[in-house]
Every structure is written in structure tokens, then in C-alpha cells.
């Protein structure tokens, strides 16, 4: 048998639940707290992607500019005394100075490789060397051929991901970084050597 006190208790609970459901004073704060984390993740992902894309484009432009100088004979590989002959380090510095608008001074993580081939088929067979989840740049050099030679300039940059919460989902190599890549394949003009 139900007592009058237990009926009042149940009715009181139902009334309390209805009053709580009708209450709207803190609903905006609760809704905001639920949505702020996905919104922040979306904003950081957009910013991180935009900055990374801009750095990739700057690197591609720098690679194209330097390759044009080689193609026309204004620059040549080698360690000779001529001012237009570049060593590997000088080639890297030439590309780095064009990228420093978006990267740290000295371009840490930049790797440059210039090679010459007798045919375009050989150049097309060139692959990016990976080792233990990172770029293996041990054999990179600055070897450009003379007039009418086929050449490939490859530029890599280990771009650091700035936002910690995006590092796991965006990184492509070890150390929470993205490997940016630019390549130009060309045949030198028939300039006088």
C-alpha cells in the first residue's frame, strides 16, 4: 500500500526534474563548454595547414628560381674559383635565403640534392630515400651537368608542427614533423661553357 508521504516524495521529484529541465540560466555556458574543444581543434587545424601550405609554396618557388639559374648557365655546380660555381653548402644557402621568410634562420631541416643524368628516364626513376621514418640525405650533393644536360634539383624541408594537439594526426616523419618536398627536372640550355 502506498503512503501519502511516498506519493508526495515522487511528485516532488517529478516537479524538481521538470523545473530543472525548464531552467535555461546556464545552458549557453554548458553548450559552449561542449563545443569549444572541437571548435578549437578545427581552428588550429586550419591555421596549421595554411601555414604549412604557405611554407611549401615558398620552398617550391625558391627551388624553381635556383633551377632557372642553373638551366640558363648563370650558376654551375662545382668547387672551382669561378663565382658562378656553387658547392653543395652554397646551393643550400642560396635556397635557404629565399625561404627564411617562413622558416628559422639557417633553415634547420633543409636538405638539397642536385643531380645530372644522361636521359629523362633515369631522372624519373629517382626516389625519395627514407630510413627509419625520416629522410636519408647522406648521398645528397650538387652535381650539375654542362650545356644540354638533364638535371634534377630536389629540395626537402622537415617542417615542424607547431600545435601539440595536431602533431599526431599531421606528422609524416619522426619528430612530429611534415616532410615538404619540391623538385624540378630540366634540360640545360645550350650555353657556352
Protein backbone atom coordinates (compact mmCIF):
# COMPACT_ATOMS: atom_id res chain seq x y z
CA UNK A 1 0.00 0.00 0.00
CA UNK A 2 1.32 3.42 -0.92
CA UNK A 3 1.55 6.02 1.76
CA UNK A 4 0.70 9.63 1.35
CA UNK A 5 4.31 10.67 2.13
CA UNK A 6 5.83 8.48 -0.63
CA UNK A 7 3.37 9.92 -3.21
CA UNK A 8 4.38 13.43 -2.17
CA UNK A 9 8.07 12.47 -2.49
CA UNK A 10 7.58 11.10 -6.01
CA UNK A 11 5.57 14.11 -7.05
CA UNK A 12 8.24 16.35 -5.56
CA UNK A 13 10.95 14.57 -7.52
CA UNK A 14 9.00 14.84 -10.78
CA UNK A 15 8.41 18.51 -10.13
CA UNK A 16 12.07 19.04 -9.38
CA UNK A 17 13.10 17.28 -12.62
CA UNK A 18 10.59 19.34 -14.61
CA UNK A 19 11.89 22.53 -13.05
CA UNK A 20 15.48 21.52 -13.83
CA UNK A 21 14.57 20.74 -17.47
CA UNK A 22 12.85 24.13 -17.83
CA UNK A 23 15.75 26.03 -16.32
CA UNK A 24 17.76 27.87 -19.01
CA UNK A 25 20.12 30.10 -16.99
CA UNK A 26 23.36 28.16 -17.64
CA UNK A 27 22.51 26.46 -20.92
CA UNK A 28 24.69 28.78 -23.01
CA UNK A 29 27.72 28.13 -20.82
CA UNK A 30 27.16 24.38 -20.95
CA UNK A 31 26.68 24.38 -24.73
CA UNK A 32 29.81 26.49 -25.19
CA UNK A 33 31.88 24.19 -22.98
CA UNK A 34 30.76 21.20 -25.05
CA UNK A 35 31.56 22.85 -28.39
CA UNK A 36 34.77 24.76 -27.54
CA UNK A 37 37.14 21.78 -27.86
CA UNK A 38 36.03 20.66 -31.36
CA UNK A 39 35.93 24.30 -32.47
CA UNK A 40 39.46 24.94 -31.17
CA UNK A 41 40.72 21.78 -32.88
CA UNK A 42 39.18 22.90 -36.16
CA UNK A 43 40.66 26.41 -35.90
CA UNK A 44 44.15 25.09 -35.04
CA UNK A 45 43.99 22.52 -37.87
CA UNK A 46 43.08 25.25 -40.36
CA UNK A 47 45.86 27.58 -39.15
CA UNK A 48 48.47 24.82 -39.07
CA UNK A 49 47.53 23.64 -42.56
CA UNK A 50 47.57 27.16 -44.01
CA UNK A 51 50.99 28.00 -42.59
CA UNK A 52 52.39 24.65 -43.74
CA UNK A 53 50.96 25.15 -47.23
CA UNK A 54 52.46 28.64 -47.43
CA UNK A 55 55.89 27.28 -46.44
CA UNK A 56 55.58 24.54 -49.08
CA UNK A 57 54.79 27.17 -51.72
CA UNK A 58 57.72 29.39 -50.70
CA UNK A 59 60.04 26.37 -50.91
CA UNK A 60 58.68 25.45 -54.36
CA UNK A 61 59.26 29.00 -55.62
CA UNK A 62 62.82 29.03 -54.23
CA UNK A 63 63.53 25.70 -55.94
CA UNK A 64 62.17 26.98 -59.27
CA UNK A 65 64.23 30.20 -59.03
CA UNK A 66 67.51 28.39 -58.36
CA UNK A 67 66.82 25.75 -61.04
CA UNK A 68 66.27 28.54 -63.59
CA UNK A 69 69.73 29.93 -62.78
CA UNK A 70 71.28 26.51 -63.46
CA UNK A 71 69.19 25.96 -66.61
CA UNK A 72 70.43 29.20 -68.17
CA UNK A 73 74.07 28.65 -67.12
CA UNK A 74 74.16 31.53 -64.63
CA UNK A 75 75.00 29.01 -61.89
CA UNK A 76 77.08 25.86 -62.19
CA UNK A 77 77.93 23.13 -59.74
CA UNK A 78 81.47 22.59 -58.59
CA UNK A 79 84.03 23.97 -56.21
CA UNK A 80 86.02 25.96 -58.74
CA UNK A 81 87.20 29.54 -58.31
CA UNK A 82 84.56 30.96 -60.67
CA UNK A 83 81.84 32.95 -58.87
CA UNK A 84 79.07 31.09 -60.68
CA UNK A 85 80.13 27.64 -59.41
CA UNK A 86 78.41 26.51 -56.22
CA UNK A 87 79.30 23.82 -53.73
CA UNK A 88 76.57 21.82 -52.03
CA UNK A 89 76.59 24.10 -48.98
CA UNK A 90 76.43 27.24 -51.13
CA UNK A 91 73.50 25.78 -53.08
CA UNK A 92 71.72 25.00 -49.82
CA UNK A 93 72.38 28.55 -48.57
CA UNK A 94 71.08 30.03 -51.85
CA UNK A 95 67.77 28.19 -51.41
CA UNK A 96 67.65 28.91 -47.67
CA UNK A 97 67.94 32.68 -48.12
CA UNK A 98 64.80 32.58 -50.28
CA UNK A 99 62.92 30.56 -47.62
CA UNK A 100 63.87 32.45 -44.47
CA UNK A 101 60.68 34.50 -44.61
CA UNK A 102 58.81 31.50 -43.13
CA UNK A 103 61.48 29.31 -41.54
CA UNK A 104 64.06 29.72 -38.80
CA UNK A 105 67.38 31.36 -39.57
CA UNK A 106 69.78 28.88 -41.15
CA UNK A 107 66.91 26.64 -42.31
CA UNK A 108 67.31 23.72 -39.90
CA UNK A 109 65.87 20.64 -41.53
CA UNK A 110 66.61 21.72 -45.11
CA UNK A 111 68.16 19.13 -47.44
CA UNK A 112 69.15 19.81 -51.06
CA UNK A 113 70.16 17.40 -53.82
CA UNK A 114 71.20 18.33 -57.39
CA UNK A 115 71.98 15.51 -59.82
CA UNK A 116 72.66 15.19 -63.53
CA UNK A 117 71.51 12.37 -65.82
CA UNK A 118 72.00 11.34 -69.42
CA UNK A 119 68.28 10.67 -70.02
CA UNK A 120 64.99 11.85 -68.56
CA UNK A 121 64.06 8.20 -67.89
CA UNK A 122 66.94 7.97 -65.41
CA UNK A 123 65.80 11.18 -63.74
CA UNK A 124 62.24 9.85 -63.47
CA UNK A 125 63.48 6.75 -61.64
CA UNK A 126 64.85 8.88 -58.77
CA UNK A 127 63.09 8.16 -55.46
CA UNK A 128 62.99 9.88 -52.08
CA UNK A 129 65.32 7.97 -49.74
CA UNK A 130 63.74 7.09 -46.38
CA UNK A 131 65.40 5.43 -43.44
CA UNK A 132 63.89 4.75 -40.02
CA UNK A 133 60.91 7.04 -40.59
CA UNK A 134 62.94 10.04 -41.75
CA UNK A 135 64.63 11.40 -44.86
CA UNK A 136 68.05 9.86 -45.55
CA UNK A 137 70.09 12.69 -47.08
CA UNK A 138 73.54 11.09 -46.77
CA UNK A 139 74.22 10.90 -50.52
CA UNK A 140 72.96 14.36 -51.44
CA UNK A 141 75.23 16.65 -53.44
CA UNK A 142 75.40 19.45 -56.01
CA UNK A 143 76.30 17.82 -59.31
CA UNK A 144 75.03 19.75 -62.30
CA UNK A 145 75.96 18.87 -65.86
CA UNK A 146 77.03 21.22 -68.60
CA UNK A 147 75.08 22.59 -71.54
CA UNK A 148 72.11 20.45 -72.69
CA UNK A 149 72.48 18.03 -69.75
CA UNK A 150 69.42 16.70 -67.89
CA UNK A 151 69.27 17.73 -64.22
CA UNK A 152 67.07 17.23 -61.17
CA UNK A 153 67.02 19.57 -58.18
CA UNK A 154 65.25 18.11 -55.14
CA UNK A 155 64.64 20.18 -52.02
CA UNK A 156 63.29 18.75 -48.76
CA UNK A 157 62.34 20.55 -45.57
CA UNK A 158 61.38 18.96 -42.26
CA UNK A 159 58.55 21.33 -41.28
CA UNK A 160 57.83 21.32 -37.51
CA UNK A 161 54.19 21.09 -36.48
CA UNK A 162 53.60 23.90 -34.03
CA UNK A 163 50.35 22.83 -32.35
CA UNK A 164 50.85 19.91 -29.96
CA UNK A 165 47.34 18.52 -30.37
CA UNK A 166 47.78 18.37 -34.18
CA UNK A 167 51.20 16.69 -34.11
CA UNK A 168 49.93 13.09 -34.05
CA UNK A 169 47.46 13.49 -36.89
CA UNK A 170 49.57 15.67 -39.23
CA UNK A 171 53.15 14.40 -38.87
CA UNK A 172 54.59 12.30 -41.70
CA UNK A 173 58.12 11.71 -40.37
CA UNK A 174 59.74 11.21 -36.99
CA UNK A 175 59.88 14.04 -34.51
CA UNK A 176 56.36 15.32 -35.16
CA UNK A 177 57.28 16.94 -38.47
CA UNK A 178 55.94 17.06 -42.01
CA UNK A 179 58.33 16.45 -44.90
CA UNK A 180 57.88 19.15 -47.53
CA UNK A 181 59.25 18.38 -50.97
CA UNK A 182 59.91 20.33 -54.17
CA UNK A 183 61.51 19.02 -57.33
CA UNK A 184 62.45 20.49 -60.71
CA UNK A 185 63.62 18.45 -63.70
CA UNK A 186 65.06 20.28 -66.71
CA UNK A 187 67.49 20.22 -69.60
CA UNK A 188 70.13 22.94 -69.58
CA UNK A 189 70.11 25.43 -72.39
CA UNK A 190 72.95 25.21 -74.95
CA UNK A 191 75.01 27.93 -73.31
CA UNK A 192 78.73 28.40 -73.96
CA UNK A 193 80.88 26.59 -71.44
